[in-house]
């Protein structure tokens, strides 16, 4: 099977449950922004100086695939299609508490000391770009949540992730410890 099917040439795309929606549907916008975020995170991971940063980014990238898959199933379809119910909202890989723990762990070593101008080094700049894309993904998710049911856990995860990316960027500027 080819990646190019031509089925979306009319400006629509198929969600996992088989529903066709416009390519600018809020759910598709969110999933597309997650894809963009995942790519920027891959770039940051490839450049990261600290192994801890690489490990955290890798885990987050896996979470983003879970999120994208879960949000690719419209309300109510996941349970019947067997896709969403096993992923969210019950316990899957998307755990905002894990992000909070990492955030606090790194923040102890790299406390905030005022405003930051991005670009202290290439790795922190890449993480700051990922943070801003994460904030855009979060805004897209809020739009989806106004129209459909979205797990509060997912909203917390996206909010916490941008904070984590900020502090990871600071740790990559720091003294060599994450």
N, C-alpha and C. Protein backbone atom coordinates (compact mmCIF):
# COMPACT_ATOMS: atom_id res chain seq x y z
N UNK A 1 0.84 -1.18 0.00
CA UNK A 1 0.00 0.00 0.00
C UNK A 1 0.89 1.24 0.00
N UNK A 2 0.55 2.21 -0.82
CA UNK A 2 1.30 3.45 -0.92
C UNK A 2 0.81 4.46 0.11
N UNK A 3 1.70 5.33 0.54
CA UNK A 3 1.31 6.41 1.45
C UNK A 3 0.43 7.42 0.72
N UNK A 4 0.56 7.48 -0.60
CA UNK A 4 -0.22 8.42 -1.41
C UNK A 4 -1.42 7.70 -2.01
N UNK A 5 -2.60 7.97 -1.42
CA UNK A 5 -3.82 7.31 -1.90
C UNK A 5 -4.68 8.23 -2.74
N UNK A 6 -4.48 9.55 -2.59
CA UNK A 6 -5.30 10.52 -3.31
C UNK A 6 -6.66 10.74 -2.68
N UNK A 7 -6.98 10.00 -1.61
CA UNK A 7 -8.30 10.12 -0.99
C UNK A 7 -8.53 11.47 -0.33
N UNK A 8 -7.46 12.14 0.09
CA UNK A 8 -7.61 13.43 0.74
C UNK A 8 -7.47 14.62 -0.19
N UNK A 9 -7.46 14.35 -1.48
CA UNK A 9 -7.27 15.44 -2.44
C UNK A 9 -8.41 16.46 -2.42
N UNK A 10 -9.53 16.10 -1.84
CA UNK A 10 -10.67 17.03 -1.78
C UNK A 10 -10.66 17.88 -0.51
N UNK A 11 -9.58 17.78 0.28
CA UNK A 11 -9.48 18.59 1.49
C UNK A 11 -10.06 17.91 2.72
N UNK A 12 -10.31 16.62 2.64
CA UNK A 12 -10.82 15.89 3.80
C UNK A 12 -9.80 14.82 4.21
N UNK A 13 -9.99 14.31 5.43
CA UNK A 13 -9.12 13.26 5.93
C UNK A 13 -9.95 12.30 6.78
N UNK A 14 -9.50 11.08 6.87
CA UNK A 14 -10.23 10.06 7.62
C UNK A 14 -9.63 9.89 9.01
N UNK A 15 -10.48 9.96 10.03
CA UNK A 15 -10.07 9.67 11.39
C UNK A 15 -10.03 8.15 11.57
N UNK A 16 -9.42 7.69 12.64
CA UNK A 16 -9.26 6.24 12.86
C UNK A 16 -10.57 5.47 12.88
N UNK A 17 -11.63 6.09 13.38
CA UNK A 17 -12.91 5.38 13.48
C UNK A 17 -13.65 5.34 12.14
N UNK A 18 -13.03 5.90 11.09
CA UNK A 18 -13.65 5.85 9.78
C UNK A 18 -14.46 7.08 9.41
N UNK A 19 -14.51 8.06 10.28
CA UNK A 19 -15.23 9.30 10.02
C UNK A 19 -14.36 10.22 9.17
N UNK A 20 -14.97 10.83 8.15
CA UNK A 20 -14.26 11.79 7.31
C UNK A 20 -14.58 13.20 7.79
N UNK A 21 -13.53 14.02 7.93
CA UNK A 21 -13.69 15.41 8.38
C UNK A 21 -12.80 16.30 7.51
N UNK A 22 -13.11 17.62 7.48
CA UNK A 22 -12.22 18.53 6.75
C UNK A 22 -10.83 18.55 7.39
N UNK A 23 -9.81 18.78 6.58
CA UNK A 23 -8.44 18.78 7.09
C UNK A 23 -8.18 19.92 8.07
N UNK A 24 -9.07 20.92 8.11
CA UNK A 24 -8.91 22.00 9.08
C UNK A 24 -9.84 21.84 10.28
N UNK A 25 -10.39 20.65 10.47
CA UNK A 25 -11.22 20.35 11.63
C UNK A 25 -10.37 20.56 12.89
N UNK A 26 -10.93 21.10 13.98
CA UNK A 26 -10.13 21.35 15.19
C UNK A 26 -9.37 20.12 15.71
N UNK A 27 -9.97 18.96 15.60
CA UNK A 27 -9.31 17.74 16.06
C UNK A 27 -8.09 17.45 15.18
N UNK A 28 -8.22 17.64 13.89
CA UNK A 28 -7.11 17.41 12.95
C UNK A 28 -6.03 18.47 13.17
N UNK A 29 -6.44 19.71 13.45
CA UNK A 29 -5.49 20.77 13.75
C UNK A 29 -4.65 20.41 14.97
N UNK A 30 -5.31 19.89 16.01
CA UNK A 30 -4.59 19.49 17.22
C UNK A 30 -3.62 18.35 16.92
N UNK A 31 -4.09 17.32 16.24
CA UNK A 31 -3.23 16.18 15.92
C UNK A 31 -2.05 16.61 15.06
N UNK A 32 -2.29 17.49 14.10
CA UNK A 32 -1.21 18.01 13.26
C UNK A 32 -0.18 18.80 14.05
N UNK A 33 -0.65 19.56 15.03
CA UNK A 33 0.28 20.33 15.86
C UNK A 33 1.07 19.40 16.77
N UNK A 34 0.45 18.31 17.24
CA UNK A 34 1.21 17.30 18.00
C UNK A 34 2.31 16.69 17.13
N UNK A 35 2.00 16.43 15.87
CA UNK A 35 2.98 15.87 14.95
C UNK A 35 4.15 16.84 14.77
N UNK A 36 3.82 18.12 14.61
CA UNK A 36 4.86 19.14 14.49
C UNK A 36 5.71 19.19 15.77
N UNK A 37 5.06 19.16 16.92
CA UNK A 37 5.76 19.17 18.20
C UNK A 37 6.69 17.97 18.31
N UNK A 38 6.21 16.80 17.91
CA UNK A 38 7.01 15.58 17.98
C UNK A 38 8.27 15.72 17.11
N UNK A 39 8.13 16.34 15.95
CA UNK A 39 9.29 16.54 15.08
C UNK A 39 10.30 17.49 15.70
N UNK A 40 9.82 18.59 16.27
CA UNK A 40 10.74 19.52 16.94
C UNK A 40 11.41 18.85 18.13
N UNK A 41 10.67 18.02 18.86
CA UNK A 41 11.28 17.29 19.97
C UNK A 41 12.35 16.32 19.48
N UNK A 42 12.11 15.69 18.35
CA UNK A 42 13.13 14.81 17.77
C UNK A 42 14.40 15.57 17.44
N UNK A 43 14.25 16.78 16.91
CA UNK A 43 15.40 17.63 16.61
C UNK A 43 16.15 17.99 17.89
N UNK A 44 15.40 18.36 18.94
CA UNK A 44 16.02 18.71 20.22
C UNK A 44 16.72 17.50 20.84
N UNK A 45 16.08 16.33 20.75
CA UNK A 45 16.67 15.11 21.31
C UNK A 45 17.99 14.77 20.61
N UNK A 46 18.01 14.92 19.30
CA UNK A 46 19.23 14.61 18.54
C UNK A 46 20.38 15.54 18.91
N UNK A 47 20.05 16.77 19.33
CA UNK A 47 21.08 17.75 19.68
C UNK A 47 21.38 17.82 21.17
N UNK A 48 20.54 17.21 22.00
CA UNK A 48 20.66 17.36 23.46
C UNK A 48 22.04 16.93 23.95
N UNK A 49 22.52 17.66 24.94
CA UNK A 49 23.81 17.38 25.54
C UNK A 49 23.69 16.40 26.69
N UNK A 50 22.54 16.41 27.36
CA UNK A 50 22.34 15.62 28.57
C UNK A 50 21.53 14.36 28.29
N UNK A 51 22.01 13.23 28.77
CA UNK A 51 21.29 11.97 28.57
C UNK A 51 19.90 12.03 29.20
N UNK A 52 19.77 12.67 30.35
CA UNK A 52 18.47 12.77 31.02
C UNK A 52 17.47 13.50 30.13
N UNK A 53 17.91 14.55 29.47
CA UNK A 53 17.04 15.28 28.54
C UNK A 53 16.58 14.36 27.42
N UNK A 54 17.51 13.59 26.86
CA UNK A 54 17.18 12.67 25.76
C UNK A 54 16.16 11.63 26.22
N UNK A 55 16.36 11.09 27.42
CA UNK A 55 15.44 10.08 27.95
C UNK A 55 14.05 10.65 28.17
N UNK A 56 13.97 11.84 28.73
CA UNK A 56 12.67 12.47 28.97
C UNK A 56 11.98 12.78 27.65
N UNK A 57 12.70 13.34 26.69
CA UNK A 57 12.10 13.67 25.39
C UNK A 57 11.58 12.40 24.73
N UNK A 58 12.35 11.33 24.77
CA UNK A 58 11.91 10.08 24.15
C UNK A 58 10.59 9.60 24.76
N UNK A 59 10.47 9.67 26.06
CA UNK A 59 9.24 9.27 26.74
C UNK A 59 8.07 10.16 26.33
N UNK A 60 8.33 11.46 26.26
CA UNK A 60 7.28 12.41 25.85
C UNK A 60 6.86 12.13 24.41
N UNK A 61 7.79 11.85 23.53
CA UNK A 61 7.44 11.55 22.14
C UNK A 61 6.51 10.35 22.06
N UNK A 62 6.76 9.35 22.86
CA UNK A 62 5.88 8.17 22.88
C UNK A 62 4.49 8.56 23.38
N UNK A 63 4.45 9.42 24.42
CA UNK A 63 3.16 9.91 24.92
C UNK A 63 2.39 10.64 23.83
N UNK A 64 3.09 11.44 23.04
CA UNK A 64 2.41 12.22 22.00
C UNK A 64 1.77 11.32 20.94
N UNK A 65 2.40 10.19 20.66
CA UNK A 65 1.77 9.23 19.74
C UNK A 65 0.49 8.66 20.35
N UNK A 66 0.53 8.37 21.64
CA UNK A 66 -0.68 7.89 22.33
C UNK A 66 -1.77 8.95 22.27
N UNK A 67 -1.41 10.20 22.56
CA UNK A 67 -2.38 11.29 22.52
C UNK A 67 -2.98 11.47 21.12
N UNK A 68 -2.13 11.48 20.13
CA UNK A 68 -2.61 11.66 18.76
C UNK A 68 -3.55 10.54 18.36
N UNK A 69 -3.22 9.32 18.72
CA UNK A 69 -4.08 8.19 18.40
C UNK A 69 -5.41 8.30 19.14
N UNK A 70 -5.35 8.63 20.42
CA UNK A 70 -6.57 8.74 21.22
C UNK A 70 -7.47 9.85 20.72
N UNK A 71 -6.89 10.98 20.32
CA UNK A 71 -7.69 12.12 19.87
C UNK A 71 -8.10 11.98 18.41
N UNK A 72 -7.62 10.96 17.74
CA UNK A 72 -8.00 10.71 16.35
C UNK A 72 -9.34 9.96 16.28
N UNK A 73 -9.88 9.60 17.42
CA UNK A 73 -11.15 8.87 17.48
C UNK A 73 -12.23 9.81 18.02
N UNK A 74 -13.27 10.10 17.23
CA UNK A 74 -14.31 11.01 17.70
C UNK A 74 -15.04 10.47 18.93
N UNK A 75 -15.69 11.38 19.66
CA UNK A 75 -16.47 11.01 20.86
C UNK A 75 -17.35 9.79 20.60
N UNK A 76 -17.29 8.86 21.52
CA UNK A 76 -18.18 7.71 21.45
C UNK A 76 -17.71 6.61 20.52
N UNK A 77 -16.88 6.95 19.54
CA UNK A 77 -16.45 5.93 18.58
C UNK A 77 -15.37 5.04 19.16
N UNK A 78 -14.56 5.59 20.07
CA UNK A 78 -13.42 4.83 20.60
C UNK A 78 -13.83 3.54 21.26
N UNK A 79 -14.86 3.59 22.08
CA UNK A 79 -15.27 2.38 22.80
C UNK A 79 -15.75 1.32 21.82
N UNK A 80 -16.53 1.75 20.83
CA UNK A 80 -17.05 0.76 19.89
C UNK A 80 -15.98 0.29 18.92
N UNK A 81 -15.03 1.16 18.61
CA UNK A 81 -13.97 0.77 17.69
C UNK A 81 -12.82 0.09 18.44
N UNK A 82 -12.88 0.12 19.78
CA UNK A 82 -11.84 -0.52 20.57
C UNK A 82 -10.54 0.25 20.61
N UNK A 83 -10.57 1.53 20.28
CA UNK A 83 -9.34 2.29 20.21
C UNK A 83 -9.16 3.22 21.40
N UNK A 84 -10.11 4.08 21.66
CA UNK A 84 -9.93 5.12 22.67
C UNK A 84 -10.04 4.59 24.09
N UNK A 85 -10.96 3.70 24.34
CA UNK A 85 -11.25 3.27 25.71
C UNK A 85 -10.01 2.70 26.40
N UNK A 86 -9.15 2.01 25.67
CA UNK A 86 -7.98 1.40 26.30
C UNK A 86 -6.85 2.42 26.52
N UNK A 87 -6.97 3.60 25.94
CA UNK A 87 -5.89 4.57 26.04
C UNK A 87 -6.24 5.69 27.02
N UNK A 88 -7.38 6.30 26.87
CA UNK A 88 -7.79 7.42 27.70
C UNK A 88 -9.25 7.26 28.04
N UNK A 89 -9.72 7.77 29.13
CA UNK A 89 -9.01 8.52 30.15
C UNK A 89 -8.35 7.64 31.20
N UNK A 90 -8.47 6.32 31.13
CA UNK A 90 -7.92 5.50 32.20
C UNK A 90 -6.46 5.20 32.05
N UNK A 91 -5.61 5.74 32.71
CA UNK A 91 -4.25 5.41 32.99
C UNK A 91 -3.22 5.19 31.92
N UNK A 92 -3.48 5.20 30.65
CA UNK A 92 -2.47 4.90 29.64
C UNK A 92 -1.15 5.61 29.88
N UNK A 93 -0.43 5.87 28.83
CA UNK A 93 0.90 6.46 28.94
C UNK A 93 0.86 7.94 29.30
N UNK A 94 -0.27 8.56 29.17
CA UNK A 94 -0.35 10.01 29.35
C UNK A 94 -0.61 10.33 30.81
N UNK A 95 0.46 10.62 31.54
CA UNK A 95 0.38 10.88 32.97
C UNK A 95 0.98 12.24 33.29
N UNK A 96 0.16 13.26 33.49
CA UNK A 96 0.70 14.59 33.81
C UNK A 96 1.53 14.59 35.09
N UNK A 97 1.23 13.69 36.02
CA UNK A 97 1.98 13.63 37.27
C UNK A 97 3.45 13.27 37.04
N UNK A 98 3.70 12.43 36.04
CA UNK A 98 5.08 12.06 35.71
C UNK A 98 5.84 13.29 35.22
N UNK A 99 5.17 14.11 34.41
CA UNK A 99 5.81 15.33 33.93
C UNK A 99 6.10 16.29 35.09
N UNK A 100 5.14 16.38 36.01
CA UNK A 100 5.31 17.25 37.17
C UNK A 100 6.51 16.79 38.01
N UNK A 101 6.66 15.50 38.19
CA UNK A 101 7.79 14.97 38.96
C UNK A 101 9.12 15.33 38.28
N UNK A 102 9.19 15.14 36.97
CA UNK A 102 10.41 15.50 36.25
C UNK A 102 10.68 17.00 36.36
N UNK A 103 9.63 17.77 36.21
CA UNK A 103 9.75 19.22 36.30
C UNK A 103 10.35 19.64 37.64
N UNK A 104 9.81 19.11 38.72
CA UNK A 104 10.31 19.47 40.05
C UNK A 104 11.74 18.98 40.27
N UNK A 105 12.03 17.80 39.76
CA UNK A 105 13.39 17.25 39.88
C UNK A 105 14.42 18.17 39.22
N UNK A 106 14.11 18.62 38.02
CA UNK A 106 15.05 19.47 37.28
C UNK A 106 15.07 20.89 37.85
N UNK A 107 13.91 21.36 38.26
CA UNK A 107 13.78 22.71 38.79
C UNK A 107 14.61 22.90 40.07
N UNK A 108 14.77 21.82 40.86
CA UNK A 108 15.60 21.91 42.06
C UNK A 108 17.04 22.26 41.71
N UNK A 109 17.52 21.74 40.59
CA UNK A 109 18.90 22.01 40.16
C UNK A 109 19.02 23.30 39.36
N UNK A 110 17.92 23.73 38.75
CA UNK A 110 17.94 24.90 37.88
C UNK A 110 16.75 25.81 38.21
N UNK A 111 16.78 26.47 39.37
CA UNK A 111 15.64 27.31 39.76
C UNK A 111 15.49 28.53 38.83
N UNK A 112 14.27 28.99 38.71
CA UNK A 112 13.98 30.18 37.89
C UNK A 112 14.60 31.41 38.54
N UNK A 113 15.22 32.23 37.70
CA UNK A 113 15.83 33.47 38.19
C UNK A 113 15.45 34.65 37.32
N UNK A 114 14.24 34.66 36.79
CA UNK A 114 13.81 35.79 35.98
C UNK A 114 13.46 35.38 34.56
N UNK A 115 13.27 36.39 33.73
CA UNK A 115 12.89 36.15 32.34
C UNK A 115 14.07 35.57 31.56
N UNK A 116 13.75 34.81 30.54
CA UNK A 116 14.75 34.14 29.72
C UNK A 116 14.57 34.58 28.28
N UNK A 117 15.64 34.97 27.64
CA UNK A 117 15.61 35.22 26.21
C UNK A 117 16.11 33.95 25.54
N UNK A 118 15.27 33.29 24.73
CA UNK A 118 15.67 32.03 24.10
C UNK A 118 16.92 32.20 23.23
N UNK A 119 17.70 31.13 23.16
CA UNK A 119 18.82 31.10 22.25
C UNK A 119 20.18 31.09 22.92
N UNK A 120 20.25 30.72 24.19
CA UNK A 120 21.54 30.67 24.87
C UNK A 120 22.48 29.66 24.22
N UNK A 121 21.90 28.57 23.72
CA UNK A 121 22.68 27.60 22.95
C UNK A 121 21.71 26.88 22.01
N UNK A 122 22.22 26.15 21.03
CA UNK A 122 21.33 25.52 20.05
C UNK A 122 20.30 24.55 20.65
N UNK A 123 20.69 23.80 21.68
CA UNK A 123 19.77 22.82 22.25
C UNK A 123 18.64 23.53 22.99
N UNK A 124 18.97 24.50 23.81
CA UNK A 124 17.91 25.21 24.55
C UNK A 124 17.00 25.94 23.59
N UNK A 125 17.54 26.47 22.51
CA UNK A 125 16.70 27.15 21.51
C UNK A 125 15.72 26.17 20.87
N UNK A 126 16.17 24.96 20.58
CA UNK A 126 15.29 23.93 20.00
C UNK A 126 14.18 23.56 20.98
N UNK A 127 14.53 23.44 22.26
CA UNK A 127 13.52 23.12 23.27
C UNK A 127 12.54 24.27 23.47
N UNK A 128 13.02 25.51 23.35
CA UNK A 128 12.10 26.65 23.46
C UNK A 128 11.14 26.70 22.26
N UNK A 129 11.62 26.33 21.09
CA UNK A 129 10.71 26.24 19.93
C UNK A 129 9.67 25.16 20.18
N UNK A 130 10.11 24.00 20.68
CA UNK A 130 9.17 22.92 20.99
C UNK A 130 8.15 23.38 22.03
N UNK A 131 8.59 24.16 23.02
CA UNK A 131 7.68 24.67 24.05
C UNK A 131 6.59 25.56 23.43
N UNK A 132 6.98 26.42 22.50
CA UNK A 132 5.97 27.30 21.90
C UNK A 132 5.00 26.52 21.02
N UNK A 133 5.49 25.50 20.34
CA UNK A 133 4.60 24.64 19.54
C UNK A 133 3.67 23.87 20.48
N UNK A 134 4.20 23.45 21.62
CA UNK A 134 3.37 22.77 22.63
C UNK A 134 2.24 23.68 23.10
N UNK A 135 2.55 24.95 23.34
CA UNK A 135 1.50 25.91 23.76
C UNK A 135 0.44 26.04 22.67
N UNK A 136 0.86 26.05 21.40
CA UNK A 136 -0.12 26.12 20.31
C UNK A 136 -0.98 24.86 20.29
N UNK A 137 -0.36 23.70 20.49
CA UNK A 137 -1.12 22.45 20.55
C UNK A 137 -2.13 22.51 21.69
N UNK A 138 -1.73 23.06 22.82
CA UNK A 138 -2.64 23.18 23.96
C UNK A 138 -3.83 24.09 23.60
N UNK A 139 -3.56 25.19 22.90
CA UNK A 139 -4.67 26.07 22.48
C UNK A 139 -5.60 25.34 21.52
N UNK A 140 -5.04 24.54 20.62
CA UNK A 140 -5.87 23.76 19.70
C UNK A 140 -6.72 22.75 20.47
N UNK A 141 -6.14 22.16 21.51
CA UNK A 141 -6.86 21.19 22.33
C UNK A 141 -8.02 21.86 23.07
N UNK A 142 -7.81 23.06 23.55
CA UNK A 142 -8.89 23.80 24.22
C UNK A 142 -10.04 24.04 23.25
N UNK A 143 -9.72 24.32 22.00
CA UNK A 143 -10.77 24.49 20.98
C UNK A 143 -11.55 23.19 20.82
N UNK A 144 -10.85 22.07 20.75
CA UNK A 144 -11.52 20.77 20.64
C UNK A 144 -12.40 20.54 21.87
N UNK A 145 -11.86 20.85 23.04
CA UNK A 145 -12.58 20.60 24.30
C UNK A 145 -13.85 21.44 24.42
N UNK A 146 -13.93 22.54 23.72
CA UNK A 146 -15.16 23.35 23.72
C UNK A 146 -16.27 22.68 22.93
N UNK A 147 -15.89 21.81 22.01
CA UNK A 147 -16.86 21.19 21.11
C UNK A 147 -17.11 19.72 21.45
N UNK A 148 -16.15 19.06 22.07
CA UNK A 148 -16.22 17.63 22.32
C UNK A 148 -15.66 17.33 23.71
N UNK A 149 -15.88 16.13 24.17
CA UNK A 149 -15.34 15.72 25.46
C UNK A 149 -13.86 15.41 25.33
N UNK A 150 -13.06 16.06 26.16
CA UNK A 150 -11.63 15.80 26.22
C UNK A 150 -11.30 15.53 27.68
N UNK A 151 -10.56 14.50 27.93
CA UNK A 151 -10.16 14.14 29.29
C UNK A 151 -9.40 15.30 29.94
N UNK A 152 -9.77 15.67 31.17
CA UNK A 152 -9.01 16.69 31.89
C UNK A 152 -7.54 16.31 32.04
N UNK A 153 -7.27 15.01 32.06
CA UNK A 153 -5.89 14.51 32.15
C UNK A 153 -5.08 14.97 30.93
N UNK A 154 -5.70 14.98 29.76
CA UNK A 154 -5.01 15.40 28.55
C UNK A 154 -4.73 16.90 28.60
N UNK A 155 -5.70 17.68 29.05
CA UNK A 155 -5.49 19.12 29.19
C UNK A 155 -4.35 19.41 30.18
N UNK A 156 -4.33 18.72 31.31
CA UNK A 156 -3.25 18.89 32.30
C UNK A 156 -1.90 18.49 31.71
N UNK A 157 -1.90 17.38 30.98
CA UNK A 157 -0.66 16.90 30.38
C UNK A 157 -0.06 17.97 29.46
N UNK A 158 -0.87 18.52 28.57
CA UNK A 158 -0.35 19.50 27.62
C UNK A 158 0.15 20.75 28.33
N UNK A 159 -0.56 21.19 29.36
CA UNK A 159 -0.13 22.36 30.11
C UNK A 159 1.19 22.09 30.83
N UNK A 160 1.30 20.94 31.45
CA UNK A 160 2.51 20.58 32.17
C UNK A 160 3.69 20.38 31.23
N UNK A 161 3.41 19.85 30.04
CA UNK A 161 4.49 19.58 29.09
C UNK A 161 5.21 20.86 28.70
N UNK A 162 4.49 21.92 28.46
CA UNK A 162 5.18 23.16 28.08
C UNK A 162 6.08 23.65 29.22
N UNK A 163 5.62 23.51 30.47
CA UNK A 163 6.46 23.87 31.61
C UNK A 163 7.72 23.00 31.66
N UNK A 164 7.55 21.72 31.43
CA UNK A 164 8.69 20.80 31.44
C UNK A 164 9.69 21.17 30.34
N UNK A 165 9.20 21.49 29.15
CA UNK A 165 10.10 21.85 28.05
C UNK A 165 10.87 23.13 28.38
N UNK A 166 10.21 24.06 29.06
CA UNK A 166 10.89 25.28 29.49
C UNK A 166 12.05 24.96 30.42
N UNK A 167 11.79 24.13 31.43
CA UNK A 167 12.84 23.85 32.41
C UNK A 167 13.92 22.93 31.83
N UNK A 168 13.55 22.06 30.88
CA UNK A 168 14.57 21.26 30.18
C UNK A 168 15.52 22.17 29.40
N UNK A 169 14.96 23.19 28.76
CA UNK A 169 15.79 24.15 28.02
C UNK A 169 16.77 24.83 28.97
N UNK A 170 16.29 25.20 30.16
CA UNK A 170 17.17 25.86 31.14
C UNK A 170 18.26 24.89 31.60
N UNK A 171 17.90 23.60 31.78
CA UNK A 171 18.90 22.64 32.24
C UNK A 171 19.98 22.43 31.17
N UNK A 172 19.60 22.51 29.91
CA UNK A 172 20.58 22.35 28.83
C UNK A 172 21.51 23.57 28.73
N UNK A 173 21.12 24.69 29.33
CA UNK A 173 21.97 25.88 29.39
C UNK A 173 22.87 25.85 30.61
N UNK A 174 22.56 24.94 31.56
CA UNK A 174 23.14 25.00 32.89
C UNK A 174 24.49 24.38 33.04
N UNK A 175 24.65 23.74 34.17
CA UNK A 175 25.96 23.27 34.62
C UNK A 175 26.26 21.82 34.23
N UNK A 176 25.52 21.28 33.28
CA UNK A 176 25.80 19.92 32.83
C UNK A 176 25.03 18.85 33.55
N UNK A 177 24.06 19.22 34.40
CA UNK A 177 23.21 18.23 35.06
C UNK A 177 21.76 18.50 34.71
N UNK A 178 21.01 17.41 34.46
CA UNK A 178 19.57 17.58 34.24
C UNK A 178 18.84 17.30 35.53
